[in-house]
Amino acid sequence: MQLDEFQDVIARTYGERDRARGQAATVAWLCEELGELAQAVRKGTVAEQRHELSDVLAWLASLAHQLDLSLEDAAARYAGGCPRCAAIPCACP
């Protein structure tokens, strides 16, 4: 699945509810899920890590939708490698 397709699925599935909740609450949920991902990385199974990673991605897609931004456009910033030095791997000091 492409990022723009994923963002569209999340917007159609949760968009109305998430917009009503608001951006601040969405950021709070995103942060909570990021904490759960951190715990899964430290102590969880691969399945738990995948689950939490998908939750973080879903909340990020919801926030992007609320901000009327595209995850695909945001990811394009890294298409050529490091945005600062344009190298792969990064050659920044």
Protein backbone atom coordinates (compact mmCIF):
# COMPACT_ATOMS: atom_id res chain seq x y z
CA MET A 1 0.00 0.00 0.00
CA GLN A 2 1.29 3.46 -0.90
CA LEU A 3 1.34 6.23 1.72
CA ASP A 4 -1.32 8.28 -0.08
CA GLU A 5 -3.60 5.23 -0.24
CA PHE A 6 -3.05 4.53 3.45
CA GLN A 7 -3.77 8.14 4.37
CA ASP A 8 -6.99 8.00 2.36
CA VAL A 9 -8.14 4.79 4.10
CA ILE A 10 -7.45 6.33 7.52
CA ALA A 11 -9.26 9.55 6.53
CA ARG A 12 -12.32 7.64 5.32
CA THR A 13 -12.31 5.35 8.35
CA TYR A 14 -11.59 7.80 11.17
CA GLY A 15 -11.44 11.26 9.60
CA GLU A 16 -14.75 12.67 10.83
CA ARG A 17 -14.26 11.41 14.38
CA ASP A 18 -10.62 12.54 14.51
CA ARG A 19 -11.41 16.04 13.18
CA ALA A 20 -14.09 16.39 15.87
CA ARG A 21 -11.53 15.32 18.49
CA GLY A 22 -9.12 17.97 17.18
CA GLN A 23 -5.46 18.30 16.36
CA ALA A 24 -4.24 18.66 19.94
CA ALA A 25 -5.96 15.45 21.02
CA THR A 26 -4.66 13.68 17.91
CA VAL A 27 -1.10 14.71 18.78
CA ALA A 28 -1.66 13.42 22.32
CA TRP A 29 -2.86 10.05 20.98
CA LEU A 30 0.11 9.94 18.59
CA CYS A 31 2.50 10.55 21.49
CA GLU A 32 0.81 7.84 23.56
CA GLU A 33 1.14 5.36 20.71
CA LEU A 34 4.78 6.35 20.23
CA GLY A 35 5.38 5.50 23.89
CA GLU A 36 3.71 2.12 23.39
CA LEU A 37 5.95 1.55 20.36
CA ALA A 38 9.03 2.39 22.44
CA GLN A 39 7.99 -0.16 25.04
CA ALA A 40 7.33 -2.79 22.36
CA VAL A 41 10.75 -2.17 20.85
CA ARG A 42 12.40 -2.65 24.23
CA LYS A 43 10.38 -5.60 25.54
CA GLY A 44 7.88 -6.75 22.94
CA THR A 45 7.60 -9.39 20.30
CA VAL A 46 7.87 -8.70 16.59
CA ALA A 47 4.06 -8.92 16.36
CA GLU A 48 3.67 -6.33 19.14
CA GLN A 49 6.22 -4.06 17.50
CA ARG A 50 4.39 -4.30 14.16
CA HIS A 51 1.05 -3.59 15.88
CA GLU A 52 2.36 -0.46 17.64
CA LEU A 53 4.17 0.74 14.53
CA SER A 54 0.92 0.54 12.58
CA ASP A 55 -0.89 2.50 15.31
CA VAL A 56 1.75 5.26 15.17
CA LEU A 57 1.46 5.38 11.39
CA ALA A 58 -2.34 5.57 11.58
CA TRP A 59 -2.31 8.47 14.05
CA LEU A 60 0.32 10.25 11.96
CA ALA A 61 -1.86 9.82 8.88
CA SER A 62 -4.85 11.17 10.79
CA LEU A 63 -2.89 14.23 11.88
CA ALA A 64 -1.63 14.83 8.33
CA HIS A 65 -5.24 14.65 7.09
CA GLN A 66 -6.39 17.16 9.72
CA LEU A 67 -3.56 19.50 8.70
CA ASP A 68 -4.48 19.02 5.01
CA LEU A 69 -0.98 17.72 4.33
CA SER A 70 0.17 14.68 2.40
CA LEU A 71 2.35 11.99 3.98
CA GLU A 72 3.51 11.19 0.45
CA ASP A 73 4.73 14.79 0.00
CA ALA A 74 6.38 14.74 3.43
CA ALA A 75 8.19 11.48 2.64
CA ALA A 76 9.41 12.93 -0.68
CA ARG A 77 11.72 15.22 1.32
CA TYR A 78 13.90 12.14 1.92
CA ALA A 79 13.67 10.68 -1.60
CA GLY A 80 17.19 11.81 -2.47
CA GLY A 81 18.70 10.72 0.83
CA CYS A 82 19.65 13.11 3.63
CA PRO A 83 17.80 16.42 3.16
CA ARG A 84 20.85 18.36 4.43
CA CYS A 85 23.72 16.79 2.51
CA ALA A 86 21.76 14.85 -0.17
CA ALA A 87 23.93 11.79 0.43
CA ILE A 88 23.06 8.12 0.94
CA PRO A 89 24.24 7.24 3.54
CA CYS A 90 24.18 10.59 5.29
CA ALA A 91 27.57 12.34 5.28
CA CYS A 92 26.66 15.11 7.74
CA PRO A 93 29.20 15.63 10.51
